[in-house]
Amino acid sequence: MHAYGEEKNTTNEYLYRKNAVSGKKPGMFVKNADFDRKFLVKTVSLAVKLVQKAVAIYVNGCIIILDQTLRMLSRRKIQ
């Protein structure tokens, strides 16, 4: 067996020990910070897209309802 971290000191092990010393959760390597940022950007953009779709559907529904009411009013005026 090797001494602790002697020869097989991979970067992940080094970062694991470094994070353990600094008090971060084990397994949260520094290299995952970029992934977390990408994940955050993806989720935020997805949420924005969903909100945009919901607003578009709502606006279209309002336009349809307004259109129908205007048609009904115009029919009443003609009669």
N, C-alpha and C. Protein backbone atom coordinates (compact mmCIF):
# COMPACT_ATOMS: atom_id res chain seq x y z
N MET A 1 0.85 -1.21 0.00
CA MET A 1 0.00 0.00 0.00
C MET A 1 0.88 1.25 0.00
N HIS A 2 0.35 2.25 -0.66
CA HIS A 2 1.07 3.52 -0.69
C HIS A 2 0.82 4.28 0.60
N ALA A 3 1.71 5.21 0.87
CA ALA A 3 1.42 6.16 1.94
C ALA A 3 0.27 7.04 1.45
N TYR A 4 -0.42 7.67 2.36
CA TYR A 4 -1.64 8.39 2.01
C TYR A 4 -1.35 9.46 0.96
N GLY A 5 -1.88 9.26 -0.25
CA GLY A 5 -1.75 10.25 -1.30
C GLY A 5 -0.34 10.39 -1.83
N GLU A 6 0.46 9.33 -1.77
CA GLU A 6 1.86 9.48 -2.18
C GLU A 6 1.99 9.46 -3.69
N GLU A 7 1.75 8.29 -4.33
CA GLU A 7 1.94 8.19 -5.77
C GLU A 7 0.63 8.42 -6.51
N LYS A 8 -0.45 7.85 -6.02
CA LYS A 8 -1.71 7.92 -6.75
C LYS A 8 -2.51 9.15 -6.37
N ASN A 9 -1.85 10.30 -6.36
CA ASN A 9 -2.52 11.55 -6.01
C ASN A 9 -3.16 12.13 -7.27
N THR A 10 -4.35 11.62 -7.62
CA THR A 10 -5.05 12.18 -8.77
C THR A 10 -5.62 13.53 -8.38
N THR A 11 -6.00 14.31 -9.39
CA THR A 11 -6.51 15.65 -9.08
C THR A 11 -7.79 15.56 -8.26
N ASN A 12 -8.65 14.56 -8.57
CA ASN A 12 -9.89 14.45 -7.82
C ASN A 12 -9.62 14.19 -6.35
N GLU A 13 -8.68 13.30 -6.07
CA GLU A 13 -8.36 13.03 -4.67
C GLU A 13 -7.80 14.27 -3.99
N TYR A 14 -6.93 14.97 -4.73
CA TYR A 14 -6.34 16.19 -4.17
C TYR A 14 -7.44 17.20 -3.86
N LEU A 15 -8.35 17.40 -4.82
CA LEU A 15 -9.43 18.36 -4.61
C LEU A 15 -10.36 17.89 -3.49
N TYR A 16 -10.59 16.58 -3.43
CA TYR A 16 -11.45 16.03 -2.38
C TYR A 16 -10.87 16.37 -1.01
N ARG A 17 -9.55 16.11 -0.87
CA ARG A 17 -8.92 16.40 0.43
C ARG A 17 -8.92 17.89 0.70
N LYS A 18 -8.62 18.69 -0.34
CA LYS A 18 -8.58 20.14 -0.17
C LYS A 18 -9.95 20.65 0.29
N ASN A 19 -11.04 20.14 -0.36
CA ASN A 19 -12.38 20.57 0.01
C ASN A 19 -12.75 20.07 1.40
N ALA A 20 -12.32 18.87 1.75
CA ALA A 20 -12.62 18.34 3.08
C ALA A 20 -11.99 19.22 4.14
N VAL A 21 -10.77 19.68 3.86
CA VAL A 21 -10.09 20.55 4.83
C VAL A 21 -10.81 21.88 4.92
N SER A 22 -11.25 22.44 3.76
CA SER A 22 -11.88 23.76 3.77
C SER A 22 -13.33 23.70 4.27
N GLY A 23 -13.86 22.49 4.53
CA GLY A 23 -15.17 22.37 5.13
C GLY A 23 -16.30 22.23 4.13
N LYS A 24 -15.98 22.05 2.85
CA LYS A 24 -17.04 21.83 1.87
C LYS A 24 -17.51 20.39 1.96
N LYS A 25 -18.67 20.11 1.33
CA LYS A 25 -19.17 18.75 1.33
C LYS A 25 -18.22 17.86 0.54
N PRO A 26 -17.95 16.64 1.01
CA PRO A 26 -17.09 15.75 0.24
C PRO A 26 -17.75 15.39 -1.08
N GLY A 27 -16.94 15.34 -2.11
CA GLY A 27 -17.44 15.01 -3.43
C GLY A 27 -17.78 16.23 -4.26
N MET A 28 -17.86 17.39 -3.63
CA MET A 28 -18.12 18.62 -4.39
C MET A 28 -16.78 19.17 -4.86
N PHE A 29 -16.32 18.66 -5.99
CA PHE A 29 -15.02 19.08 -6.49
C PHE A 29 -15.12 20.47 -7.12
N VAL A 30 -13.96 21.10 -7.20
CA VAL A 30 -13.92 22.44 -7.79
C VAL A 30 -14.34 22.37 -9.26
N LYS A 31 -14.00 21.29 -9.94
CA LYS A 31 -14.29 21.20 -11.38
C LYS A 31 -15.79 21.13 -11.64
N ASN A 32 -16.61 20.86 -10.62
CA ASN A 32 -18.05 20.82 -10.81
C ASN A 32 -18.69 22.20 -10.77
N ALA A 33 -17.92 23.23 -10.42
CA ALA A 33 -18.49 24.58 -10.36
C ALA A 33 -18.97 25.00 -11.75
N ASP A 34 -18.20 24.66 -12.78
CA ASP A 34 -18.60 25.01 -14.14
C ASP A 34 -19.88 24.29 -14.50
N PHE A 35 -19.98 23.02 -14.14
CA PHE A 35 -21.20 22.24 -14.43
C PHE A 35 -22.39 22.86 -13.71
N ASP A 36 -22.21 23.27 -12.46
CA ASP A 36 -23.31 23.87 -11.70
C ASP A 36 -23.79 25.14 -12.39
N ARG A 37 -22.84 25.94 -12.89
CA ARG A 37 -23.22 27.18 -13.57
C ARG A 37 -24.00 26.87 -14.84
N LYS A 38 -23.53 25.88 -15.61
CA LYS A 38 -24.24 25.49 -16.84
C LYS A 38 -25.65 25.00 -16.50
N PHE A 39 -25.74 24.19 -15.43
CA PHE A 39 -27.05 23.66 -15.02
C PHE A 39 -27.99 24.80 -14.63
N LEU A 40 -27.45 25.77 -13.90
CA LEU A 40 -28.25 26.92 -13.48
C LEU A 40 -28.73 27.69 -14.70
N VAL A 41 -27.82 27.92 -15.65
CA VAL A 41 -28.20 28.67 -16.86
C VAL A 41 -29.27 27.91 -17.63
N LYS A 42 -29.13 26.58 -17.73
CA LYS A 42 -30.13 25.77 -18.45
C LYS A 42 -31.49 25.86 -17.77
N THR A 43 -31.51 25.71 -16.44
CA THR A 43 -32.79 25.72 -15.74
C THR A 43 -33.44 27.09 -15.83
N VAL A 44 -32.64 28.15 -15.71
CA VAL A 44 -33.21 29.51 -15.77
C VAL A 44 -33.77 29.77 -17.16
N SER A 45 -33.02 29.37 -18.21
CA SER A 45 -33.50 29.62 -19.57
C SER A 45 -34.77 28.80 -19.83
N LEU A 46 -34.81 27.57 -19.30
CA LEU A 46 -36.02 26.75 -19.46
C LEU A 46 -37.21 27.41 -18.76
N ALA A 47 -36.99 27.91 -17.56
CA ALA A 47 -38.07 28.57 -16.83
C ALA A 47 -38.55 29.80 -17.60
N VAL A 48 -37.61 30.57 -18.16
CA VAL A 48 -37.99 31.77 -18.92
C VAL A 48 -38.82 31.37 -20.13
N LYS A 49 -38.39 30.29 -20.83
CA LYS A 49 -39.14 29.83 -22.01
C LYS A 49 -40.55 29.41 -21.61
N LEU A 50 -40.68 28.68 -20.50
CA LEU A 50 -42.01 28.24 -20.05
C LEU A 50 -42.89 29.43 -19.71
N VAL A 51 -42.32 30.44 -19.04
CA VAL A 51 -43.09 31.64 -18.70
C VAL A 51 -43.52 32.35 -19.96
N GLN A 52 -42.61 32.45 -20.95
CA GLN A 52 -42.96 33.11 -22.21
C GLN A 52 -44.10 32.38 -22.90
N LYS A 53 -44.04 31.03 -22.91
CA LYS A 53 -45.11 30.25 -23.54
C LYS A 53 -46.44 30.50 -22.82
N ALA A 54 -46.40 30.47 -21.49
CA ALA A 54 -47.63 30.68 -20.72
C ALA A 54 -48.21 32.06 -21.01
N VAL A 55 -47.36 33.08 -21.06
CA VAL A 55 -47.84 34.44 -21.34
C VAL A 55 -48.43 34.51 -22.74
N ALA A 56 -47.76 33.87 -23.71
CA ALA A 56 -48.26 33.88 -25.09
C ALA A 56 -49.63 33.22 -25.17
N ILE A 57 -49.77 32.08 -24.48
CA ILE A 57 -51.07 31.38 -24.49
C ILE A 57 -52.14 32.26 -23.85
N TYR A 58 -51.80 32.89 -22.74
CA TYR A 58 -52.75 33.75 -22.03
C TYR A 58 -53.17 34.92 -22.91
N VAL A 59 -52.17 35.58 -23.57
CA VAL A 59 -52.47 36.73 -24.42
C VAL A 59 -53.33 36.30 -25.60
N ASN A 60 -52.99 35.16 -26.21
CA ASN A 60 -53.79 34.66 -27.33
C ASN A 60 -55.23 34.40 -26.88
N GLY A 61 -55.39 33.81 -25.70
CA GLY A 61 -56.73 33.55 -25.18
C GLY A 61 -57.50 34.85 -24.98
N CYS A 62 -56.84 35.87 -24.45
CA CYS A 62 -57.49 37.16 -24.24
C CYS A 62 -57.90 37.76 -25.58
N ILE A 63 -57.00 37.66 -26.57
CA ILE A 63 -57.31 38.22 -27.89
C ILE A 63 -58.51 37.51 -28.49
N ILE A 64 -58.55 36.18 -28.36
CA ILE A 64 -59.67 35.42 -28.91
C ILE A 64 -60.97 35.84 -28.24
N ILE A 65 -60.93 35.97 -26.89
CA ILE A 65 -62.15 36.35 -26.15
C ILE A 65 -62.59 37.76 -26.57
N LEU A 66 -61.65 38.70 -26.67
CA LEU A 66 -61.98 40.05 -27.10
C LEU A 66 -62.57 40.04 -28.50
N ASP A 67 -61.97 39.27 -29.38
CA ASP A 67 -62.45 39.16 -30.76
C ASP A 67 -63.88 38.67 -30.78
N GLN A 68 -64.18 37.63 -30.00
CA GLN A 68 -65.53 37.08 -29.99
C GLN A 68 -66.53 38.09 -29.43
N THR A 69 -66.16 38.79 -28.34
CA THR A 69 -67.09 39.76 -27.77
C THR A 69 -67.34 40.90 -28.73
N LEU A 70 -66.29 41.37 -29.42
CA LEU A 70 -66.47 42.44 -30.40
C LEU A 70 -67.39 41.99 -31.53
N ARG A 71 -67.23 40.74 -31.98
CA ARG A 71 -68.10 40.23 -33.04
C ARG A 71 -69.55 40.19 -32.56
N MET A 72 -69.77 39.74 -31.32
CA MET A 72 -71.13 39.67 -30.79
C MET A 72 -71.73 41.07 -30.72
N LEU A 73 -70.93 42.06 -30.24
CA LEU A 73 -71.43 43.42 -30.13
C LEU A 73 -71.76 43.98 -31.51
N SER A 74 -70.92 43.71 -32.49
CA SER A 74 -71.17 44.24 -33.83
C SER A 74 -72.42 43.59 -34.43
N ARG A 75 -72.65 42.31 -34.17
CA ARG A 75 -73.86 41.65 -34.66
C ARG A 75 -75.11 42.28 -34.06
N ARG A 76 -75.03 42.59 -32.75
CA ARG A 76 -76.19 43.20 -32.09
C ARG A 76 -76.51 44.57 -32.70
N LYS A 77 -75.45 45.33 -33.01
CA LYS A 77 -75.67 46.65 -33.60
C LYS A 77 -76.34 46.52 -34.96
N ILE A 78 -75.90 45.52 -35.75
CA ILE A 78 -76.48 45.33 -37.09
C ILE A 78 -77.95 44.98 -36.96
N GLN A 79 -78.29 44.09 -36.04
CA GLN A 79 -79.70 43.72 -35.88
C GLN A 79 -80.41 44.88 -35.21
